[in-house]
Amino acid sequence: MCRLFEYADRYVKESDWKDLALLKLCLCAIGVLIGISVAPKHKKKVMAAAAVVFGFTYVPQMTKFVKIIIDENKKN
């Protein structure tokens, strides 16, 4: 498993924003496919879980992005 993370780190280092955008679109598409296949009686639970995961992943990513913007603006 450790090697898998090493491969993932290398992939990210060798990727540009377009590659990462395609990866995100791919993940979004699989999320939509999973979402439409959920039984109606479970949709609210799945939606709540997805909202929690989104919150816990989006906030740190945007925090890091904003810090990069601030650091770049301080340099200029």
C-alpha atoms as a PDB file:
ATOM      1  CA  MET A   1       0.000   0.000   0.000  1.00  0.00           C
ATOM      2  CA  CYS A   2       2.889   2.342   0.759  1.00  0.00           C
ATOM      3  CA  ARG A   3       4.100   2.011  -2.823  1.00  0.00           C
ATOM      4  CA  LEU A   4       0.664   3.015  -4.049  1.00  0.00           C
ATOM      5  CA  PHE A   5       0.946   6.303  -2.152  1.00  0.00           C
ATOM      6  CA  GLU A   6       4.415   6.841  -3.605  1.00  0.00           C
ATOM      7  CA  TYR A   7       3.001   6.326  -7.099  1.00  0.00           C
ATOM      8  CA  ALA A   8       0.174   8.742  -6.328  1.00  0.00           C
ATOM      9  CA  ASP A   9       2.653  11.381  -5.084  1.00  0.00           C
ATOM     10  CA  ARG A  10       4.707  10.996  -8.252  1.00  0.00           C
ATOM     11  CA  TYR A  11       1.570  11.239 -10.409  1.00  0.00           C
ATOM     12  CA  VAL A  12       0.579  14.505  -8.736  1.00  0.00           C
ATOM     13  CA  LYS A  13       4.099  15.934  -9.057  1.00  0.00           C
ATOM     14  CA  GLU A  14       4.141  15.128 -12.773  1.00  0.00           C
ATOM     15  CA  SER A  15       0.622  16.460 -13.405  1.00  0.00           C
ATOM     16  CA  ASP A  16      -0.539  19.948 -14.232  1.00  0.00           C
ATOM     17  CA  TRP A  17      -3.873  21.560 -13.407  1.00  0.00           C
ATOM     18  CA  LYS A  18      -5.501  20.058 -16.514  1.00  0.00           C
ATOM     19  CA  ASP A  19      -4.642  16.511 -15.444  1.00  0.00           C
ATOM     20  CA  LEU A  20      -6.004  17.132 -11.961  1.00  0.00           C
ATOM     21  CA  ALA A  21      -9.150  18.734 -13.386  1.00  0.00           C
ATOM     22  CA  LEU A  22      -9.748  15.638 -15.519  1.00  0.00           C
ATOM     23  CA  LEU A  23      -9.231  13.438 -12.475  1.00  0.00           C
ATOM     24  CA  LYS A  24     -11.781  15.477 -10.530  1.00  0.00           C
ATOM     25  CA  LEU A  25     -14.287  15.289 -13.382  1.00  0.00           C
ATOM     26  CA  CYS A  26     -13.781  11.530 -13.497  1.00  0.00           C
ATOM     27  CA  LEU A  27     -14.408  11.237  -9.756  1.00  0.00           C
ATOM     28  CA  CYS A  28     -17.455  13.481 -10.050  1.00  0.00           C
ATOM     29  CA  ALA A  29     -18.851  11.295 -12.815  1.00  0.00           C
ATOM     30  CA  ILE A  30     -18.411   8.107 -10.787  1.00  0.00           C
ATOM     31  CA  GLY A  31     -20.049   9.870  -7.847  1.00  0.00           C
ATOM     32  CA  VAL A  32     -23.050  10.750 -10.006  1.00  0.00           C
ATOM     33  CA  LEU A  33     -23.271   7.182 -11.259  1.00  0.00           C
ATOM     34  CA  ILE A  34     -23.185   5.861  -7.714  1.00  0.00           C
ATOM     35  CA  GLY A  35     -25.705   8.473  -6.621  1.00  0.00           C
ATOM     36  CA  ILE A  36     -28.281   7.585  -9.251  1.00  0.00           C
ATOM     37  CA  SER A  37     -27.962   3.900  -8.406  1.00  0.00           C
ATOM     38  CA  VAL A  38     -28.825   4.348  -4.715  1.00  0.00           C
ATOM     39  CA  ALA A  39     -32.236   3.055  -3.698  1.00  0.00           C
ATOM     40  CA  PRO A  40     -34.711   5.892  -3.021  1.00  0.00           C
ATOM     41  CA  LYS A  41     -35.115   4.908   0.634  1.00  0.00           C
ATOM     42  CA  HIS A  42     -31.351   5.378   1.229  1.00  0.00           C
ATOM     43  CA  LYS A  43     -30.805   8.586  -0.778  1.00  0.00           C
ATOM     44  CA  LYS A  44     -31.039  10.944   2.226  1.00  0.00           C
ATOM     45  CA  LYS A  45     -28.457   8.954   4.194  1.00  0.00           C
ATOM     46  CA  VAL A  46     -26.095   8.831   1.224  1.00  0.00           C
ATOM     47  CA  MET A  47     -26.613  12.545   0.586  1.00  0.00           C
ATOM     48  CA  ALA A  48     -25.824  13.356   4.239  1.00  0.00           C
ATOM     49  CA  ALA A  49     -22.685  11.220   4.169  1.00  0.00           C
ATOM     50  CA  ALA A  50     -21.561  12.841   0.918  1.00  0.00           C
ATOM     51  CA  ALA A  51     -22.125  16.311   2.386  1.00  0.00           C
ATOM     52  CA  VAL A  52     -19.987  15.462   5.416  1.00  0.00           C
ATOM     53  CA  VAL A  53     -17.183  14.044   3.252  1.00  0.00           C
ATOM     54  CA  PHE A  54     -17.374  17.096   0.980  1.00  0.00           C
ATOM     55  CA  GLY A  55     -17.118  19.450   3.946  1.00  0.00           C
ATOM     56  CA  PHE A  56     -14.174  17.633   5.490  1.00  0.00           C
ATOM     57  CA  THR A  57     -12.289  17.519   2.198  1.00  0.00           C
ATOM     58  CA  TYR A  58     -13.213  20.850   0.584  1.00  0.00           C
ATOM     59  CA  VAL A  59     -12.366  23.116   3.507  1.00  0.00           C
ATOM     60  CA  PRO A  60      -8.747  21.919   3.889  1.00  0.00           C
ATOM     61  CA  GLN A  61      -8.188  22.063   0.140  1.00  0.00           C
ATOM     62  CA  MET A  62      -9.485  25.622  -0.118  1.00  0.00           C
ATOM     63  CA  THR A  63      -7.536  26.658   2.985  1.00  0.00           C
ATOM     64  CA  LYS A  64      -4.339  25.424   1.356  1.00  0.00           C
ATOM     65  CA  PHE A  65      -5.246  27.156  -1.922  1.00  0.00           C
ATOM     66  CA  VAL A  66      -5.987  30.478  -0.213  1.00  0.00           C
ATOM     67  CA  LYS A  67      -2.685  30.284   1.715  1.00  0.00           C
ATOM     68  CA  ILE A  68      -0.851  29.829  -1.594  1.00  0.00           C
ATOM     69  CA  ILE A  69      -2.619  32.881  -3.037  1.00  0.00           C
ATOM     70  CA  ILE A  70      -1.774  34.962   0.046  1.00  0.00           C
ATOM     71  CA  ASP A  71       1.865  33.851  -0.042  1.00  0.00           C
ATOM     72  CA  GLU A  72       2.139  34.710  -3.749  1.00  0.00           C
ATOM     73  CA  ASN A  73       0.588  38.136  -3.180  1.00  0.00           C
ATOM     74  CA  LYS A  74       3.040  38.843  -0.342  1.00  0.00           C
ATOM     75  CA  LYS A  75       5.948  38.115  -2.698  1.00  0.00           C
ATOM     76  CA  ASN A  76       4.703  40.686  -5.214  1.00  0.00           C
END
